[in-house]
């Protein structure tokens, strides 16, 4: 999947916040939550604590899925009802 994520404050936002946003967008599409590690185009692993200013000139940031979490069926049902406005 390919996501475009807006960076508003690269000096204060972290790599971890970018990974979290990408994981949330993936969850919307797949109903599973990936644990991601972000990488530069040439494969260098990025630290979650670094600011986005470190990579702001990169055209693309890649990710690798370390694991997948599947929410409980009750949580997925609540999410479906909320999205569908069923209650």
N, C-alpha and C. Protein backbone atom coordinates (compact mmCIF):
# COMPACT_ATOMS: atom_id res chain seq x y z
N UNK A 1 0.84 -1.17 0.00
CA UNK A 1 0.00 0.00 0.00
C UNK A 1 0.89 1.24 0.00
N UNK A 2 0.36 2.27 -0.57
CA UNK A 2 1.09 3.53 -0.65
C UNK A 2 0.24 4.61 -0.01
N UNK A 3 0.82 5.34 0.96
CA UNK A 3 0.11 6.41 1.65
C UNK A 3 0.87 7.71 1.52
N UNK A 4 0.14 8.79 1.39
CA UNK A 4 0.71 10.12 1.44
C UNK A 4 0.31 10.73 2.77
N UNK A 5 1.30 11.05 3.59
CA UNK A 5 1.05 11.59 4.93
C UNK A 5 1.63 12.99 4.98
N UNK A 6 0.80 13.95 5.38
CA UNK A 6 1.24 15.34 5.48
C UNK A 6 2.10 15.53 6.72
N UNK A 7 3.20 16.24 6.54
CA UNK A 7 4.10 16.58 7.65
C UNK A 7 3.95 18.08 7.89
N UNK A 8 3.42 18.43 9.07
CA UNK A 8 3.17 19.84 9.37
C UNK A 8 4.32 20.50 10.11
N UNK A 9 4.92 19.78 11.04
CA UNK A 9 6.00 20.34 11.86
C UNK A 9 7.17 19.35 11.94
N UNK A 10 8.00 19.32 10.90
CA UNK A 10 9.07 18.31 10.86
C UNK A 10 10.09 18.43 11.99
N UNK A 11 10.21 19.61 12.60
CA UNK A 11 11.18 19.75 13.69
C UNK A 11 10.69 19.17 15.00
N UNK A 12 9.36 18.93 15.12
CA UNK A 12 8.83 18.38 16.37
C UNK A 12 8.18 17.02 16.19
N UNK A 13 7.68 16.72 14.99
CA UNK A 13 7.09 15.40 14.75
C UNK A 13 8.20 14.36 14.65
N UNK A 14 7.90 13.14 15.11
CA UNK A 14 8.92 12.10 15.12
C UNK A 14 8.65 11.03 14.05
N UNK A 15 9.67 10.24 13.81
CA UNK A 15 9.53 9.09 12.92
C UNK A 15 8.44 8.17 13.45
N UNK A 16 8.39 8.02 14.78
CA UNK A 16 7.38 7.18 15.41
C UNK A 16 5.97 7.66 15.13
N UNK A 17 5.76 8.98 15.11
CA UNK A 17 4.42 9.51 14.82
C UNK A 17 4.04 9.25 13.37
N UNK A 18 5.02 9.28 12.48
CA UNK A 18 4.77 8.96 11.07
C UNK A 18 4.42 7.48 10.92
N UNK A 19 5.14 6.63 11.62
CA UNK A 19 4.85 5.19 11.58
C UNK A 19 3.46 4.91 12.14
N UNK A 20 3.08 5.60 13.20
CA UNK A 20 1.76 5.41 13.80
C UNK A 20 0.66 5.83 12.82
N UNK A 21 0.84 6.96 12.15
CA UNK A 21 -0.15 7.43 11.18
C UNK A 21 -0.28 6.44 10.02
N UNK A 22 0.84 5.93 9.54
CA UNK A 22 0.80 4.95 8.46
C UNK A 22 0.09 3.67 8.92
N UNK A 23 0.35 3.24 10.16
CA UNK A 23 -0.30 2.04 10.69
C UNK A 23 -1.80 2.24 10.82
N UNK A 24 -2.22 3.43 11.25
CA UNK A 24 -3.65 3.72 11.37
C UNK A 24 -4.33 3.70 10.00
N UNK A 25 -3.66 4.24 9.00
CA UNK A 25 -4.24 4.23 7.65
C UNK A 25 -4.31 2.81 7.11
N UNK A 26 -3.33 2.01 7.43
CA UNK A 26 -3.35 0.60 7.01
C UNK A 26 -4.48 -0.13 7.70
N UNK A 27 -4.71 0.17 8.98
CA UNK A 27 -5.80 -0.45 9.74
C UNK A 27 -7.15 -0.17 9.09
N UNK A 28 -7.33 1.05 8.60
CA UNK A 28 -8.58 1.41 7.93
C UNK A 28 -8.80 0.53 6.70
N UNK A 29 -7.75 0.21 6.00
CA UNK A 29 -7.86 -0.60 4.79
C UNK A 29 -7.93 -2.10 5.04
N UNK A 30 -7.18 -2.60 6.03
CA UNK A 30 -7.02 -4.04 6.21
C UNK A 30 -7.66 -4.61 7.47
N UNK A 31 -8.10 -3.75 8.38
CA UNK A 31 -8.66 -4.19 9.65
C UNK A 31 -7.64 -4.93 10.50
N UNK A 32 -6.38 -4.68 10.24
CA UNK A 32 -5.28 -5.23 11.04
C UNK A 32 -4.30 -4.08 11.29
N UNK A 33 -3.63 -4.12 12.43
CA UNK A 33 -2.71 -3.05 12.79
C UNK A 33 -1.27 -3.56 12.62
N UNK A 34 -0.52 -2.96 11.69
CA UNK A 34 0.87 -3.39 11.53
C UNK A 34 1.80 -2.70 12.52
N UNK A 35 2.80 -3.40 12.97
CA UNK A 35 3.91 -2.78 13.71
C UNK A 35 4.97 -2.53 12.66
N UNK A 36 5.26 -1.24 12.41
CA UNK A 36 6.12 -0.87 11.30
C UNK A 36 7.48 -0.38 11.77
N UNK A 37 8.47 -0.62 10.93
CA UNK A 37 9.75 0.05 11.05
C UNK A 37 9.90 0.83 9.74
N UNK A 38 10.30 2.11 9.86
CA UNK A 38 10.45 2.94 8.67
C UNK A 38 11.89 2.93 8.20
N UNK A 39 12.02 2.99 6.88
CA UNK A 39 13.33 2.89 6.23
C UNK A 39 13.48 3.98 5.17
N UNK A 40 14.72 4.41 4.95
CA UNK A 40 14.98 5.30 3.83
C UNK A 40 14.91 4.47 2.55
N UNK A 41 14.94 5.16 1.43
CA UNK A 41 14.85 4.45 0.14
C UNK A 41 15.98 3.43 -0.03
N UNK A 42 17.15 3.74 0.53
CA UNK A 42 18.28 2.80 0.39
C UNK A 42 18.32 1.76 1.50
N UNK A 43 17.29 1.72 2.36
CA UNK A 43 17.18 0.66 3.34
C UNK A 43 17.68 0.95 4.73
N UNK A 44 18.12 2.18 4.99
CA UNK A 44 18.60 2.53 6.33
C UNK A 44 17.40 2.60 7.29
N UNK A 45 17.51 1.92 8.43
CA UNK A 45 16.44 1.89 9.42
C UNK A 45 16.43 3.21 10.20
N UNK A 46 15.22 3.76 10.39
CA UNK A 46 15.06 5.02 11.10
C UNK A 46 14.61 4.76 12.54
N UNK A 47 15.08 5.59 13.46
CA UNK A 47 14.71 5.47 14.87
C UNK A 47 13.40 6.22 15.13
N UNK A 48 12.50 5.61 15.90
CA UNK A 48 11.23 6.25 16.22
C UNK A 48 11.38 7.58 16.95
N UNK A 49 12.50 7.78 17.63
CA UNK A 49 12.71 9.00 18.40
C UNK A 49 13.24 10.17 17.57
N UNK A 50 13.76 9.90 16.38
CA UNK A 50 14.29 10.97 15.54
C UNK A 50 13.17 11.84 15.00
N UNK A 51 13.48 13.12 14.77
CA UNK A 51 12.47 14.02 14.21
C UNK A 51 12.40 13.83 12.69
N UNK A 52 11.28 14.25 12.13
CA UNK A 52 11.09 14.13 10.68
C UNK A 52 11.99 15.08 9.91
N UNK A 53 12.56 16.07 10.59
CA UNK A 53 13.50 16.98 9.94
C UNK A 53 14.68 16.20 9.35
N UNK A 54 15.00 15.07 9.96
CA UNK A 54 16.10 14.22 9.49
C UNK A 54 15.85 13.70 8.07
N UNK A 55 14.60 13.48 7.71
CA UNK A 55 14.27 12.85 6.43
C UNK A 55 13.41 13.73 5.52
N UNK A 56 13.24 15.00 5.87
CA UNK A 56 12.31 15.85 5.15
C UNK A 56 12.66 15.98 3.66
N UNK A 57 13.90 15.81 3.29
CA UNK A 57 14.29 15.93 1.88
C UNK A 57 14.17 14.62 1.11
N UNK A 58 13.81 13.54 1.80
CA UNK A 58 13.61 12.25 1.14
C UNK A 58 12.32 12.28 0.33
N UNK A 59 12.35 11.75 -0.87
CA UNK A 59 11.14 11.68 -1.68
C UNK A 59 10.18 10.62 -1.15
N UNK A 60 10.72 9.50 -0.70
CA UNK A 60 9.90 8.39 -0.22
C UNK A 60 10.51 7.81 1.04
N UNK A 61 9.63 7.37 1.91
CA UNK A 61 10.03 6.60 3.09
C UNK A 61 9.33 5.26 2.95
N UNK A 62 10.07 4.20 3.10
CA UNK A 62 9.53 2.86 2.99
C UNK A 62 9.31 2.28 4.38
N UNK A 63 8.56 1.20 4.44
CA UNK A 63 8.36 0.55 5.73
C UNK A 63 8.45 -0.95 5.56
N UNK A 64 8.68 -1.57 6.68
CA UNK A 64 8.68 -3.02 6.75
C UNK A 64 7.78 -3.41 7.92
N UNK A 65 6.92 -4.40 7.70
CA UNK A 65 6.01 -4.85 8.76
C UNK A 65 6.73 -5.87 9.63
N UNK A 66 6.82 -5.55 10.92
CA UNK A 66 7.46 -6.47 11.87
C UNK A 66 6.47 -7.51 12.36
N UNK A 67 5.21 -7.08 12.54
CA UNK A 67 4.16 -8.00 12.99
C UNK A 67 2.80 -7.37 12.71
N UNK A 68 1.77 -8.18 12.81
CA UNK A 68 0.39 -7.72 12.63
C UNK A 68 -0.40 -8.00 13.89
N UNK A 69 -1.18 -7.03 14.33
CA UNK A 69 -2.12 -7.22 15.44
C UNK A 69 -3.52 -7.18 14.88
N UNK A 70 -4.34 -8.14 15.27
CA UNK A 70 -5.74 -8.17 14.86
C UNK A 70 -6.59 -7.83 16.07
N UNK A 71 -7.34 -6.73 16.01
CA UNK A 71 -8.20 -6.38 17.15
C UNK A 71 -9.24 -7.46 17.39
N UNK A 72 -9.75 -7.51 18.62
CA UNK A 72 -10.80 -8.46 18.96
C UNK A 72 -12.01 -8.22 18.07
N UNK A 73 -12.78 -9.27 17.82
CA UNK A 73 -13.96 -9.15 16.96
C UNK A 73 -14.94 -8.14 17.52
N UNK A 74 -15.06 -8.03 18.83
CA UNK A 74 -15.98 -7.05 19.43
C UNK A 74 -15.54 -5.62 19.12
N UNK A 75 -14.23 -5.37 19.12
CA UNK A 75 -13.71 -4.04 18.78
C UNK A 75 -13.94 -3.74 17.29
N UNK A 76 -13.75 -4.74 16.45
CA UNK A 76 -13.97 -4.53 15.02
C UNK A 76 -15.45 -4.29 14.74
N UNK A 77 -16.33 -4.98 15.47
CA UNK A 77 -17.77 -4.78 15.31
C UNK A 77 -18.17 -3.35 15.71
N UNK A 78 -17.64 -2.88 16.85
CA UNK A 78 -17.93 -1.51 17.29
C UNK A 78 -17.45 -0.50 16.25
N UNK A 79 -16.26 -0.74 15.71
CA UNK A 79 -15.73 0.15 14.68
C UNK A 79 -16.61 0.16 13.45
N UNK A 80 -17.06 -1.02 13.02
CA UNK A 80 -17.93 -1.12 11.86
C UNK A 80 -19.23 -0.36 12.11
N UNK A 81 -19.82 -0.52 13.28
CA UNK A 81 -21.08 0.18 13.61
C UNK A 81 -20.88 1.69 13.60
N UNK A 82 -19.75 2.13 14.14
CA UNK A 82 -19.48 3.57 14.16
C UNK A 82 -19.32 4.11 12.74
N UNK A 83 -18.55 3.42 11.92
CA UNK A 83 -18.34 3.86 10.55
C UNK A 83 -19.65 3.83 9.76
N UNK A 84 -20.45 2.81 10.00
CA UNK A 84 -21.70 2.65 9.28
C UNK A 84 -22.84 3.45 9.90
N UNK A 85 -22.55 4.12 11.01
CA UNK A 85 -23.54 4.92 11.74
C UNK A 85 -24.75 4.09 12.15
N UNK A 86 -24.46 2.91 12.68
CA UNK A 86 -25.53 2.00 13.12
C UNK A 86 -25.78 2.07 14.63
N UNK A 87 -25.11 2.91 15.30
CA UNK A 87 -25.36 2.98 16.73
C UNK A 87 -24.17 3.36 17.43
